[in-house]
Amino acid sequence: MKESSMCPDQHHASRPLGSSARNRWQVSKQSVDMVRAPFAARPLPVDAQPQHVTLDLNRTALIVIDMQNDFCHEQGWLASIGVDIAPARTPIEPLKALLPPLRNAGVPVVWLNWGNRPDLLNLSPSLLHVYKPHGDGIGLGDRLSGETGNVLEASSWNAAVVDELKTAPNDIMVDKYRMSGFWDTPLDSILHNLQVTTLLFAGVNADQCVMCTLQDANFAGYDCILLEDCVATTSPSYCMEAVLYNVKQCFGFVVHSERLTTELEK
């Protein structure tokens, strides 16, 4: 008896199964094909510190941290409690220049924003204490005066990205409620499904949420690149100096966004 040359799925069409084209099976009633579709590397050389780096655009994502109204808007929380928010707004212009060429290159953009539950059940006393050390004043989740809502509440104006930085339909939104965006969030799962290994970091505050997230990314095995002109802090200048030193010494690389944009536009 002559054996059939047909494969088991020839009469049963397979279908893709997976949220990302880069991490997807092909399945049918008869079989499961776990072989992911290959995608070629797209090397991009960048002048960085402490060494020149070449990254793979097909495995890179931009993480923009906390560029939100409560941190960066004159009617937001920090401004209302007397913090000079001018430094927190300095990443806006370089990010406006960088986002279009990154999106055109197919690099995922992840907005990692602080977003509390309305009942604050995702916040511990130790987190609340950071911003309300004596139990009074306006801290996380409290009501601001005027037309704005509760401080950094998810899906509110307070937690929204500032108007100057326009999000795109394919951008990815992730809420966090720790200094690090990797704790108790879907960030790592999302990046895994995108098959991302290199992360570009932008946002505020450089010495707090940006640095904590970058460190955890490094601990989890991601390649970490801090975009020097796309991060800022309202802390004293020595805090920023320590961030730059520690990233170059221990956790990754530092790049000016204009150098990245120049290479992307070649």
C-alpha atoms as a PDB file:
ATOM      1  CA  MET A   1       0.000   0.000   0.000  1.00  0.00           C
ATOM      2  CA  LYS A   2       1.431   3.295  -1.073  1.00  0.00           C
ATOM      3  CA  GLU A   3       1.849   5.801   1.749  1.00  0.00           C
ATOM      4  CA  SER A   4       0.160   9.142   1.333  1.00  0.00           C
ATOM      5  CA  SER A   5       2.472  12.099   0.890  1.00  0.00           C
ATOM      6  CA  MET A   6      -0.047  14.399   2.518  1.00  0.00           C
ATOM      7  CA  CYS A   7       0.805  15.893   5.898  1.00  0.00           C
ATOM      8  CA  PRO A   8      -1.815  15.519   8.673  1.00  0.00           C
ATOM      9  CA  ASP A   9      -2.996  19.137   8.291  1.00  0.00           C
ATOM     10  CA  GLN A  10      -3.472  19.094   4.525  1.00  0.00           C
ATOM     11  CA  HIS A  11      -7.232  18.646   4.898  1.00  0.00           C
ATOM     12  CA  HIS A  12      -7.466  20.813   8.016  1.00  0.00           C
ATOM     13  CA  ALA A  13      -6.448  24.460   7.648  1.00  0.00           C
ATOM     14  CA  SER A  14      -4.242  25.737  10.429  1.00  0.00           C
ATOM     15  CA  ARG A  15      -4.881  29.034  12.197  1.00  0.00           C
ATOM     16  CA  PRO A  16      -2.572  31.409  14.051  1.00  0.00           C
ATOM     17  CA  LEU A  17      -2.779  31.368  17.837  1.00  0.00           C
ATOM     18  CA  GLY A  18      -1.059  34.111  19.780  1.00  0.00           C
ATOM     19  CA  SER A  19      -1.361  37.804  20.593  1.00  0.00           C
ATOM     20  CA  SER A  20       1.856  38.742  18.800  1.00  0.00           C
ATOM     21  CA  ALA A  21       2.987  37.811  15.305  1.00  0.00           C
ATOM     22  CA  ARG A  22       6.413  37.188  16.813  1.00  0.00           C
ATOM     23  CA  ASN A  23       5.188  34.662  19.383  1.00  0.00           C
ATOM     24  CA  ARG A  24       2.541  32.602  17.650  1.00  0.00           C
ATOM     25  CA  TRP A  25       1.643  28.950  17.054  1.00  0.00           C
ATOM     26  CA  GLN A  26      -0.220  27.497  14.086  1.00  0.00           C
ATOM     27  CA  VAL A  27      -2.994  25.170  15.246  1.00  0.00           C
ATOM     28  CA  SER A  28      -5.666  22.948  13.744  1.00  0.00           C
ATOM     29  CA  LYS A  29      -7.870  20.100  14.935  1.00  0.00           C
ATOM     30  CA  GLN A  30      -5.072  17.671  14.179  1.00  0.00           C
ATOM     31  CA  SER A  31      -1.865  19.375  15.234  1.00  0.00           C
ATOM     32  CA  VAL A  32       0.003  22.239  16.850  1.00  0.00           C
ATOM     33  CA  ASP A  33       3.010  23.806  15.152  1.00  0.00           C
ATOM     34  CA  MET A  34       5.129  25.580  17.793  1.00  0.00           C
ATOM     35  CA  VAL A  35       7.737  26.874  15.343  1.00  0.00           C
ATOM     36  CA  ARG A  36       7.654  30.657  15.496  1.00  0.00           C
ATOM     37  CA  ALA A  37       8.010  32.554  12.243  1.00  0.00           C
ATOM     38  CA  PRO A  38      11.598  33.808  11.925  1.00  0.00           C
ATOM     39  CA  PHE A  39      12.339  37.494  11.593  1.00  0.00           C
ATOM     40  CA  ALA A  40      15.673  38.873  10.488  1.00  0.00           C
ATOM     41  CA  ALA A  41      17.763  41.162  12.657  1.00  0.00           C
ATOM     42  CA  ARG A  42      17.803  44.874  11.821  1.00  0.00           C
ATOM     43  CA  PRO A  43      21.093  46.184  13.248  1.00  0.00           C
ATOM     44  CA  LEU A  44      21.280  49.859  14.201  1.00  0.00           C
ATOM     45  CA  PRO A  45      24.665  51.234  15.331  1.00  0.00           C
ATOM     46  CA  VAL A  46      24.487  53.981  17.952  1.00  0.00           C
ATOM     47  CA  ASP A  47      27.171  56.140  19.543  1.00  0.00           C
ATOM     48  CA  ALA A  48      26.680  55.478  23.265  1.00  0.00           C
ATOM     49  CA  GLN A  49      28.492  55.526  26.598  1.00  0.00           C
ATOM     50  CA  PRO A  50      30.527  53.796  27.919  1.00  0.00           C
ATOM     51  CA  GLN A  51      30.818  51.945  24.593  1.00  0.00           C
ATOM     52  CA  HIS A  52      29.450  52.103  21.074  1.00  0.00           C
ATOM     53  CA  VAL A  53      26.474  49.723  20.736  1.00  0.00           C
ATOM     54  CA  THR A  54      24.597  48.038  17.906  1.00  0.00           C
ATOM     55  CA  LEU A  55      20.996  47.211  18.747  1.00  0.00           C
ATOM     56  CA  ASP A  56      18.446  45.117  16.879  1.00  0.00           C
ATOM     57  CA  LEU A  57      15.405  47.219  15.950  1.00  0.00           C
ATOM     58  CA  ASN A  58      13.327  44.054  15.622  1.00  0.00           C
ATOM     59  CA  ARG A  59      13.931  43.269  19.282  1.00  0.00           C
ATOM     60  CA  THR A  60      13.752  46.780  20.723  1.00  0.00           C
ATOM     61  CA  ALA A  61      10.982  48.692  22.518  1.00  0.00           C
ATOM     62  CA  LEU A  62      10.734  52.198  23.966  1.00  0.00           C
ATOM     63  CA  ILE A  63       9.481  52.481  27.563  1.00  0.00           C
ATOM     64  CA  VAL A  64       8.153  55.970  28.401  1.00  0.00           C
ATOM     65  CA  ILE A  65       7.609  56.302  32.135  1.00  0.00           C
ATOM     66  CA  ASP A  66       5.227  58.666  33.965  1.00  0.00           C
ATOM     67  CA  MET A  67       5.000  61.503  31.429  1.00  0.00           C
ATOM     68  CA  GLN A  68       1.612  62.262  32.963  1.00  0.00           C
ATOM     69  CA  ASN A  69      -0.451  65.299  33.879  1.00  0.00           C
ATOM     70  CA  ASP A  70       0.000  64.905  37.621  1.00  0.00           C
ATOM     71  CA  PHE A  71       3.784  64.958  37.171  1.00  0.00           C
ATOM     72  CA  CYS A  72       4.257  67.273  34.193  1.00  0.00           C
ATOM     73  CA  HIS A  73       1.243  69.620  33.907  1.00  0.00           C
ATOM     74  CA  GLU A  74       0.926  72.999  35.635  1.00  0.00           C
ATOM     75  CA  GLN A  75      -2.508  71.970  36.980  1.00  0.00           C
ATOM     76  CA  GLY A  76      -1.311  68.559  38.109  1.00  0.00           C
ATOM     77  CA  TRP A  77      -0.456  67.156  41.509  1.00  0.00           C
ATOM     78  CA  LEU A  78       3.259  68.021  41.781  1.00  0.00           C
ATOM     79  CA  ALA A  79       2.735  71.620  40.725  1.00  0.00           C
ATOM     80  CA  SER A  80      -0.162  71.933  43.204  1.00  0.00           C
ATOM     81  CA  ILE A  81       2.070  70.967  46.125  1.00  0.00           C
ATOM     82  CA  GLY A  82       4.801  73.414  45.150  1.00  0.00           C
ATOM     83  CA  VAL A  83       7.177  71.255  43.114  1.00  0.00           C
ATOM     84  CA  ASP A  84       8.935  72.976  40.224  1.00  0.00           C
ATOM     85  CA  ILE A  85       7.795  70.813  37.311  1.00  0.00           C
ATOM     86  CA  ALA A  86       9.953  72.555  34.700  1.00  0.00           C
ATOM     87  CA  PRO A  87      12.581  69.776  34.805  1.00  0.00           C
ATOM     88  CA  ALA A  88       9.863  67.104  34.401  1.00  0.00           C
ATOM     89  CA  ARG A  89       8.776  68.737  31.148  1.00  0.00           C
ATOM     90  CA  THR A  90      12.221  68.718  29.514  1.00  0.00           C
ATOM     91  CA  PRO A  91      11.788  65.220  27.957  1.00  0.00           C
ATOM     92  CA  ILE A  92       8.705  66.372  26.007  1.00  0.00           C
ATOM     93  CA  GLU A  93      10.451  68.004  23.034  1.00  0.00           C
ATOM     94  CA  PRO A  94      13.109  65.318  22.447  1.00  0.00           C
ATOM     95  CA  LEU A  95      10.433  62.621  22.730  1.00  0.00           C
ATOM     96  CA  LYS A  96       8.251  64.440  20.185  1.00  0.00           C
ATOM     97  CA  ALA A  97      11.196  64.260  17.778  1.00  0.00           C
ATOM     98  CA  LEU A  98      12.078  60.644  18.550  1.00  0.00           C
ATOM     99  CA  LEU A  99       8.654  58.982  18.563  1.00  0.00           C
ATOM    100  CA  PRO A 100       7.831  59.302  14.818  1.00  0.00           C
ATOM    101  CA  PRO A 101      11.031  57.671  13.496  1.00  0.00           C
ATOM    102  CA  LEU A 102      10.824  54.934  16.111  1.00  0.00           C
ATOM    103  CA  ARG A 103       7.223  54.170  15.170  1.00  0.00           C
ATOM    104  CA  ASN A 104       8.128  54.276  11.481  1.00  0.00           C
ATOM    105  CA  ALA A 105      10.820  51.699  12.208  1.00  0.00           C
ATOM    106  CA  GLY A 106       8.224  49.434  13.826  1.00  0.00           C
ATOM    107  CA  VAL A 107       9.610  49.813  17.347  1.00  0.00           C
ATOM    108  CA  PRO A 108       6.855  49.270  19.959  1.00  0.00           C
ATOM    109  CA  VAL A 109       6.155  52.248  22.235  1.00  0.00           C
ATOM    110  CA  VAL A 110       5.082  51.364  25.773  1.00  0.00           C
ATOM    111  CA  TRP A 111       3.589  54.081  27.993  1.00  0.00           C
ATOM    112  CA  LEU A 112       4.250  52.925  31.547  1.00  0.00           C
ATOM    113  CA  ASN A 113       2.035  55.184  33.660  1.00  0.00           C
ATOM    114  CA  TRP A 114       1.300  55.363  37.356  1.00  0.00           C
ATOM    115  CA  GLY A 115      -2.354  54.394  37.782  1.00  0.00           C
ATOM    116  CA  ASN A 116      -3.967  53.713  41.167  1.00  0.00           C
ATOM    117  CA  ARG A 117      -7.166  51.789  41.746  1.00  0.00           C
ATOM    118  CA  PRO A 118      -9.930  54.151  42.957  1.00  0.00           C
ATOM    119  CA  ASP A 119     -10.077  52.231  46.248  1.00  0.00           C
ATOM    120  CA  LEU A 120      -6.260  52.309  46.599  1.00  0.00           C
ATOM    121  CA  LEU A 121      -6.177  48.586  47.362  1.00  0.00           C
ATOM    122  CA  ASN A 122      -3.090  48.232  45.190  1.00  0.00           C
ATOM    123  CA  LEU A 123      -1.136  50.612  47.420  1.00  0.00           C
ATOM    124  CA  SER A 124       0.582  49.637  50.667  1.00  0.00           C
ATOM    125  CA  PRO A 125       1.080  51.993  53.625  1.00  0.00           C
ATOM    126  CA  SER A 126       4.777  52.222  52.744  1.00  0.00           C
ATOM    127  CA  LEU A 127       3.914  53.551  49.278  1.00  0.00           C
ATOM    128  CA  LEU A 128       1.383  56.024  50.652  1.00  0.00           C
ATOM    129  CA  HIS A 129       3.934  57.177  53.248  1.00  0.00           C
ATOM    130  CA  VAL A 130       6.392  58.328  50.559  1.00  0.00           C
ATOM    131  CA  TYR A 131       4.059  61.122  49.480  1.00  0.00           C
ATOM    132  CA  LYS A 132       2.149  61.625  52.733  1.00  0.00           C
ATOM    133  CA  PRO A 133       4.722  61.060  55.484  1.00  0.00           C
ATOM    134  CA  HIS A 134       2.741  62.768  58.257  1.00  0.00           C
ATOM    135  CA  GLY A 135      -0.692  61.532  57.210  1.00  0.00           C
ATOM    136  CA  ASP A 136      -1.873  64.939  56.053  1.00  0.00           C
ATOM    137  CA  GLY A 137      -1.685  66.914  52.822  1.00  0.00           C
ATOM    138  CA  ILE A 138      -2.486  65.571  49.350  1.00  0.00           C
ATOM    139  CA  GLY A 139      -1.031  62.175  48.524  1.00  0.00           C
ATOM    140  CA  LEU A 140      -1.720  59.310  46.128  1.00  0.00           C
ATOM    141  CA  GLY A 141      -5.430  58.948  45.429  1.00  0.00           C
ATOM    142  CA  ASP A 142      -6.431  62.140  47.230  1.00  0.00           C
ATOM    143  CA  ARG A 143      -8.640  64.762  45.595  1.00  0.00           C
ATOM    144  CA  LEU A 144      -7.011  67.791  44.031  1.00  0.00           C
ATOM    145  CA  SER A 145      -8.738  71.139  44.239  1.00  0.00           C
ATOM    146  CA  GLY A 146     -10.234  72.678  41.109  1.00  0.00           C
ATOM    147  CA  GLU A 147     -11.409  70.742  38.081  1.00  0.00           C
ATOM    148  CA  THR A 148      -8.957  67.851  38.258  1.00  0.00           C
ATOM    149  CA  GLY A 149      -9.673  64.506  39.903  1.00  0.00           C
ATOM    150  CA  ASN A 150      -7.885  62.120  42.239  1.00  0.00           C
ATOM    151  CA  VAL A 151      -4.112  61.975  42.216  1.00  0.00           C
ATOM    152  CA  LEU A 152      -2.820  59.452  39.641  1.00  0.00           C
ATOM    153  CA  GLU A 153      -6.040  57.459  39.527  1.00  0.00           C
ATOM    154  CA  ALA A 154      -6.087  55.051  36.581  1.00  0.00           C
ATOM    155  CA  SER A 155      -8.077  56.255  33.530  1.00  0.00           C
ATOM    156  CA  SER A 156      -8.343  59.809  34.910  1.00  0.00           C
ATOM    157  CA  TRP A 157      -7.028  63.092  33.501  1.00  0.00           C
ATOM    158  CA  ASN A 158      -4.457  63.059  36.297  1.00  0.00           C
ATOM    159  CA  ALA A 159      -2.909  59.789  35.105  1.00  0.00           C
ATOM    160  CA  ALA A 160      -3.151  60.566  31.381  1.00  0.00           C
ATOM    161  CA  VAL A 161      -0.134  61.258  29.183  1.00  0.00           C
ATOM    162  CA  VAL A 162       0.446  64.992  28.741  1.00  0.00           C
ATOM    163  CA  ASP A 163      -1.228  66.432  25.647  1.00  0.00           C
ATOM    164  CA  GLU A 164       2.061  67.379  23.993  1.00  0.00           C
ATOM    165  CA  LEU A 165       2.997  63.708  23.662  1.00  0.00           C
ATOM    166  CA  LYS A 166       0.444  62.154  21.350  1.00  0.00           C
ATOM    167  CA  THR A 167      -0.104  58.427  21.760  1.00  0.00           C
ATOM    168  CA  ALA A 168      -0.688  56.304  18.661  1.00  0.00           C
ATOM    169  CA  PRO A 169      -3.299  53.546  18.175  1.00  0.00           C
ATOM    170  CA  ASN A 170      -0.656  50.801  18.190  1.00  0.00           C
ATOM    171  CA  ASP A 171       1.086  52.092  21.317  1.00  0.00           C
ATOM    172  CA  ILE A 172       0.863  49.913  24.418  1.00  0.00           C
ATOM    173  CA  MET A 173      -0.502  51.270  27.703  1.00  0.00           C
ATOM    174  CA  VAL A 174       0.555  49.710  31.026  1.00  0.00           C
ATOM    175  CA  ASP A 175      -0.502  50.927  34.470  1.00  0.00           C
ATOM    176  CA  LYS A 176       1.913  50.586  37.379  1.00  0.00           C
ATOM    177  CA  TYR A 177       1.694  51.496  41.050  1.00  0.00           C
ATOM    178  CA  ARG A 178       5.214  50.924  42.262  1.00  0.00           C
ATOM    179  CA  MET A 179       8.460  52.703  41.528  1.00  0.00           C
ATOM    180  CA  SER A 180       9.302  49.738  39.306  1.00  0.00           C
ATOM    181  CA  GLY A 181       7.065  48.949  36.356  1.00  0.00           C
ATOM    182  CA  PHE A 182       7.906  45.247  36.555  1.00  0.00           C
ATOM    183  CA  TRP A 183       6.229  44.585  39.907  1.00  0.00           C
ATOM    184  CA  ASP A 184       2.599  43.428  39.819  1.00  0.00           C
ATOM    185  CA  THR A 185       2.095  44.529  36.182  1.00  0.00           C
ATOM    186  CA  PRO A 186       1.861  42.754  32.803  1.00  0.00           C
ATOM    187  CA  LEU A 187       4.942  44.572  31.434  1.00  0.00           C
ATOM    188  CA  ASP A 188       7.271  41.565  31.386  1.00  0.00           C
ATOM    189  CA  SER A 189       4.626  39.334  29.769  1.00  0.00           C
ATOM    190  CA  ILE A 190       3.964  41.944  27.070  1.00  0.00           C
ATOM    191  CA  LEU A 191       7.648  42.331  26.253  1.00  0.00           C
ATOM    192  CA  HIS A 192       8.078  38.553  26.183  1.00  0.00           C
ATOM    193  CA  ASN A 193       5.229  38.179  23.692  1.00  0.00           C
ATOM    194  CA  LEU A 194       6.786  40.869  21.512  1.00  0.00           C
ATOM    195  CA  GLN A 195      10.103  38.970  21.652  1.00  0.00           C
ATOM    196  CA  VAL A 196      11.812  42.160  22.855  1.00  0.00           C
ATOM    197  CA  THR A 197      15.278  41.989  24.411  1.00  0.00           C
ATOM    198  CA  THR A 198      16.449  45.635  24.285  1.00  0.00           C
ATOM    199  CA  LEU A 199      14.705  48.474  26.108  1.00  0.00           C
ATOM    200  CA  LEU A 200      15.079  52.226  25.564  1.00  0.00           C
ATOM    201  CA  PHE A 201      14.135  54.208  28.670  1.00  0.00           C
ATOM    202  CA  ALA A 202      12.572  57.684  28.816  1.00  0.00           C
ATOM    203  CA  GLY A 203      10.461  59.653  31.298  1.00  0.00           C
ATOM    204  CA  VAL A 204      10.431  60.843  34.904  1.00  0.00           C
ATOM    205  CA  ASN A 205      11.673  60.757  37.543  1.00  0.00           C
ATOM    206  CA  ALA A 206      15.054  59.499  36.383  1.00  0.00           C
ATOM    207  CA  ASP A 207      16.249  58.644  39.894  1.00  0.00           C
ATOM    208  CA  GLN A 208      13.008  57.025  40.999  1.00  0.00           C
ATOM    209  CA  CYS A 209      10.573  55.220  38.674  1.00  0.00           C
ATOM    210  CA  VAL A 210      12.857  55.252  35.638  1.00  0.00           C
ATOM    211  CA  MET A 211      15.864  53.946  37.530  1.00  0.00           C
ATOM    212  CA  CYS A 212      13.902  51.326  39.482  1.00  0.00           C
ATOM    213  CA  THR A 213      12.297  50.001  36.291  1.00  0.00           C
ATOM    214  CA  LEU A 214      15.627  50.016  34.436  1.00  0.00           C
ATOM    215  CA  GLN A 215      17.345  48.128  37.248  1.00  0.00           C
ATOM    216  CA  ASP A 216      14.631  45.480  37.337  1.00  0.00           C
ATOM    217  CA  ALA A 217      14.855  45.169  33.548  1.00  0.00           C
ATOM    218  CA  ASN A 218      18.584  44.578  33.874  1.00  0.00           C
ATOM    219  CA  PHE A 219      18.022  41.984  36.592  1.00  0.00           C
ATOM    220  CA  ALA A 220      15.519  40.216  34.312  1.00  0.00           C
ATOM    221  CA  GLY A 221      18.080  40.011  31.503  1.00  0.00           C
ATOM    222  CA  TYR A 222      16.987  42.867  29.218  1.00  0.00           C
ATOM    223  CA  ASP A 223      19.516  45.099  27.449  1.00  0.00           C
ATOM    224  CA  CYS A 224      19.016  48.593  28.919  1.00  0.00           C
ATOM    225  CA  ILE A 225      19.664  51.911  27.175  1.00  0.00           C
ATOM    226  CA  LEU A 226      18.880  55.186  28.958  1.00  0.00           C
ATOM    227  CA  LEU A 227      17.995  58.085  26.633  1.00  0.00           C
ATOM    228  CA  GLU A 228      19.833  60.847  28.448  1.00  0.00           C
ATOM    229  CA  ASP A 229      17.912  63.836  27.074  1.00  0.00           C
ATOM    230  CA  CYS A 230      14.547  62.023  27.314  1.00  0.00           C
ATOM    231  CA  VAL A 231      14.745  61.505  31.079  1.00  0.00           C
ATOM    232  CA  ALA A 232      14.620  64.085  33.845  1.00  0.00           C
ATOM    233  CA  THR A 233      13.999  64.514  37.545  1.00  0.00           C
ATOM    234  CA  THR A 234      12.676  67.128  39.931  1.00  0.00           C
ATOM    235  CA  SER A 235      15.267  65.926  42.464  1.00  0.00           C
ATOM    236  CA  PRO A 236      18.594  67.732  43.039  1.00  0.00           C
ATOM    237  CA  SER A 237      21.134  67.564  40.210  1.00  0.00           C
ATOM    238  CA  TYR A 238      23.375  65.109  42.032  1.00  0.00           C
ATOM    239  CA  CYS A 239      20.578  62.526  41.778  1.00  0.00           C
ATOM    240  CA  MET A 240      20.710  62.715  37.980  1.00  0.00           C
ATOM    241  CA  GLU A 241      24.496  62.468  38.075  1.00  0.00           C
ATOM    242  CA  ALA A 242      24.226  59.299  40.158  1.00  0.00           C
ATOM    243  CA  VAL A 243      21.718  57.787  37.707  1.00  0.00           C
ATOM    244  CA  LEU A 244      23.997  58.382  34.720  1.00  0.00           C
ATOM    245  CA  TYR A 245      27.002  57.032  36.584  1.00  0.00           C
ATOM    246  CA  ASN A 246      25.228  53.883  37.771  1.00  0.00           C
ATOM    247  CA  VAL A 247      23.627  53.077  34.421  1.00  0.00           C
ATOM    248  CA  LYS A 248      27.004  53.305  32.655  1.00  0.00           C
ATOM    249  CA  GLN A 249      28.824  51.496  35.453  1.00  0.00           C
ATOM    250  CA  CYS A 250      26.382  48.682  36.261  1.00  0.00           C
ATOM    251  CA  PHE A 251      23.128  48.495  34.327  1.00  0.00           C
ATOM    252  CA  GLY A 252      23.538  49.385  30.661  1.00  0.00           C
ATOM    253  CA  PHE A 253      24.284  52.270  28.328  1.00  0.00           C
ATOM    254  CA  VAL A 254      23.486  55.955  27.927  1.00  0.00           C
ATOM    255  CA  VAL A 255      22.545  57.464  24.540  1.00  0.00           C
ATOM    256  CA  HIS A 256      21.475  60.923  23.397  1.00  0.00           C
ATOM    257  CA  SER A 257      18.223  60.635  21.427  1.00  0.00           C
ATOM    258  CA  GLU A 258      19.503  62.785  18.539  1.00  0.00           C
ATOM    259  CA  ARG A 259      22.142  60.170  17.777  1.00  0.00           C
ATOM    260  CA  LEU A 260      19.456  57.513  17.675  1.00  0.00           C
ATOM    261  CA  THR A 261      17.204  59.654  15.465  1.00  0.00           C
ATOM    262  CA  THR A 262      20.085  60.377  13.077  1.00  0.00           C
ATOM    263  CA  GLU A 263      20.723  56.664  12.580  1.00  0.00           C
ATOM    264  CA  LEU A 264      17.013  55.887  12.173  1.00  0.00           C
ATOM    265  CA  GLU A 265      16.614  58.507   9.456  1.00  0.00           C
ATOM    266  CA  LYS A 266      19.571  57.377   7.328  1.00  0.00           C
END
